[in-house]
Structure formats: structure tokens, C-alpha cells
Amino acid sequence: MIKKLIQHGNSSALIIDKPIMELLQIDYDTPLELSTDGANIIISPVKDKERLSKLKKSLEKINKKHAHTLHKLAK
């Protein structure tokens, strides 16, 4: 998909189409982080790092406690 910037006051804006917003599970209130690798603009939804950390710890606990069962189910 090719997009062009539009003028928004003294700035430029990029319109993100609704299907892309739905795919990324973002809405108008979602904070977005802009970064660059020097050649590209990278736009990412801001992740709740505390929530992701809690999820990771929970998954590690479950995997440790149920490793044998999960291994059997994977077969």
C-alpha cells in the first residue's frame, strides 16, 4: 500500500486505514511510538511493559509447573 502525507496545519499527517487499525488492534486513543532505523519510519503501538512482564512471568510459571503435560500434548 502506498500512501502520501497530507498537510495538517504546519505539520504533515499520515492516514492509517481502518482495516490496518483493526489488524493492529489500535484505535484513535492508542499511543503510537515513532522510530527509525535510519532509512524507514517505524510506527508501533505502545505496549504496556508492566502488563507484558506479568504475562511473561505467568507463562513461565505455567510452563514450569505443567512442562511434562504440555510436552505430552505437543506430541
C-alpha atoms as a PDB file:
ATOM      1  CA  MET A   1       0.000   0.000   0.000  1.00  0.00           C
ATOM      2  CA  ILE A   2       1.404   3.361  -0.992  1.00  0.00           C
ATOM      3  CA  LYS A   3       0.353   6.413   0.998  1.00  0.00           C
ATOM      4  CA  LYS A   4       1.131  10.121   0.803  1.00  0.00           C
ATOM      5  CA  LEU A   5       1.448  12.574   3.644  1.00  0.00           C
ATOM      6  CA  ILE A   6      -1.227  15.224   3.888  1.00  0.00           C
ATOM      7  CA  GLN A   7      -0.810  18.719   5.279  1.00  0.00           C
ATOM      8  CA  HIS A   8      -2.239  19.210   8.754  1.00  0.00           C
ATOM      9  CA  GLY A   9      -1.648  22.802   9.852  1.00  0.00           C
ATOM     10  CA  ASN A  10       2.117  23.343   9.827  1.00  0.00           C
ATOM     11  CA  SER A  11       2.749  19.598  10.075  1.00  0.00           C
ATOM     12  CA  SER A  12       2.258  16.521   7.939  1.00  0.00           C
ATOM     13  CA  ALA A  13      -0.066  13.616   8.713  1.00  0.00           C
ATOM     14  CA  LEU A  14      -0.337  10.023   7.571  1.00  0.00           C
ATOM     15  CA  ILE A  15      -3.811   8.500   7.360  1.00  0.00           C
ATOM     16  CA  ILE A  16      -3.973   4.919   8.658  1.00  0.00           C
ATOM     17  CA  ASP A  17      -6.818   2.985   7.063  1.00  0.00           C
ATOM     18  CA  LYS A  18      -9.386   1.330   9.329  1.00  0.00           C
ATOM     19  CA  PRO A  19      -8.543  -2.274   8.256  1.00  0.00           C
ATOM     20  CA  ILE A  20      -4.927  -1.731   9.320  1.00  0.00           C
ATOM     21  CA  MET A  21      -6.043  -0.254  12.634  1.00  0.00           C
ATOM     22  CA  GLU A  22      -8.294  -3.263  13.204  1.00  0.00           C
ATOM     23  CA  LEU A  23      -5.495  -5.652  12.310  1.00  0.00           C
ATOM     24  CA  LEU A  24      -3.165  -3.987  14.820  1.00  0.00           C
ATOM     25  CA  GLN A  25      -5.963  -3.695  17.386  1.00  0.00           C
ATOM     26  CA  ILE A  26      -5.462   0.040  17.755  1.00  0.00           C
ATOM     27  CA  ASP A  27      -7.889   2.933  17.823  1.00  0.00           C
ATOM     28  CA  TYR A  28      -7.751   6.715  17.949  1.00  0.00           C
ATOM     29  CA  ASP A  29      -6.732   6.647  21.628  1.00  0.00           C
ATOM     30  CA  THR A  30      -3.861   4.166  21.223  1.00  0.00           C
ATOM     31  CA  PRO A  31      -0.490   5.832  21.806  1.00  0.00           C
ATOM     32  CA  LEU A  32       1.896   5.189  18.916  1.00  0.00           C
ATOM     33  CA  GLU A  33       5.681   5.190  19.029  1.00  0.00           C
ATOM     34  CA  LEU A  34       7.571   6.543  16.032  1.00  0.00           C
ATOM     35  CA  SER A  35      11.119   5.367  15.492  1.00  0.00           C
ATOM     36  CA  THR A  36      13.515   4.958  12.607  1.00  0.00           C
ATOM     37  CA  ASP A  37      16.268   2.621  11.533  1.00  0.00           C
ATOM     38  CA  GLY A  38      17.840   5.424   9.526  1.00  0.00           C
ATOM     39  CA  ALA A  39      16.031   4.573   6.296  1.00  0.00           C
ATOM     40  CA  ASN A  40      12.475   3.730   7.368  1.00  0.00           C
ATOM     41  CA  ILE A  41       9.841   5.164   9.670  1.00  0.00           C
ATOM     42  CA  ILE A  42       8.543   2.552  12.105  1.00  0.00           C
ATOM     43  CA  ILE A  43       5.165   3.180  13.757  1.00  0.00           C
ATOM     44  CA  SER A  44       4.310   0.811  16.600  1.00  0.00           C
ATOM     45  CA  PRO A  45       1.555   0.709  19.203  1.00  0.00           C
ATOM     46  CA  VAL A  46       2.990   1.422  22.643  1.00  0.00           C
ATOM     47  CA  LYS A  47       2.948  -1.786  24.626  1.00  0.00           C
ATOM     48  CA  ASP A  48       2.198  -1.838  28.333  1.00  0.00           C
ATOM     49  CA  LYS A  49       5.574  -3.140  29.501  1.00  0.00           C
ATOM     50  CA  GLU A  50       4.358  -3.904  33.024  1.00  0.00           C
ATOM     51  CA  ARG A  51       1.457  -5.966  31.689  1.00  0.00           C
ATOM     52  CA  LEU A  52       3.727  -7.847  29.261  1.00  0.00           C
ATOM     53  CA  SER A  53       6.165  -8.556  32.097  1.00  0.00           C
ATOM     54  CA  LYS A  54       3.366 -10.004  34.253  1.00  0.00           C
ATOM     55  CA  LEU A  55       2.174 -12.133  31.337  1.00  0.00           C
ATOM     56  CA  LYS A  56       5.686 -13.444  30.706  1.00  0.00           C
ATOM     57  CA  LYS A  57       6.126 -14.372  34.387  1.00  0.00           C
ATOM     58  CA  SER A  58       2.753 -16.143  34.404  1.00  0.00           C
ATOM     59  CA  LEU A  59       3.635 -18.115  31.275  1.00  0.00           C
ATOM     60  CA  GLU A  60       6.984 -19.124  32.738  1.00  0.00           C
ATOM     61  CA  LYS A  61       5.253 -20.320  35.912  1.00  0.00           C
ATOM     62  CA  ILE A  62       2.684 -22.335  33.950  1.00  0.00           C
ATOM     63  CA  ASN A  63       5.337 -23.824  31.673  1.00  0.00           C
ATOM     64  CA  LYS A  64       7.463 -24.824  34.655  1.00  0.00           C
ATOM     65  CA  LYS A  65       4.553 -26.340  36.581  1.00  0.00           C
ATOM     66  CA  HIS A  66       2.985 -28.145  33.603  1.00  0.00           C
ATOM     67  CA  ALA A  67       6.009 -28.791  31.361  1.00  0.00           C
ATOM     68  CA  HIS A  68       5.522 -32.565  31.333  1.00  0.00           C
ATOM     69  CA  THR A  69       1.813 -32.315  30.432  1.00  0.00           C
ATOM     70  CA  LEU A  70       2.422 -29.661  27.793  1.00  0.00           C
ATOM     71  CA  HIS A  71       5.185 -31.778  26.273  1.00  0.00           C
ATOM     72  CA  LYS A  72       2.837 -34.784  26.070  1.00  0.00           C
ATOM     73  CA  LEU A  73       0.103 -32.651  24.473  1.00  0.00           C
ATOM     74  CA  ALA A  74       2.561 -31.384  21.856  1.00  0.00           C
ATOM     75  CA  LYS A  75       3.205 -34.928  20.596  1.00  0.00           C
END
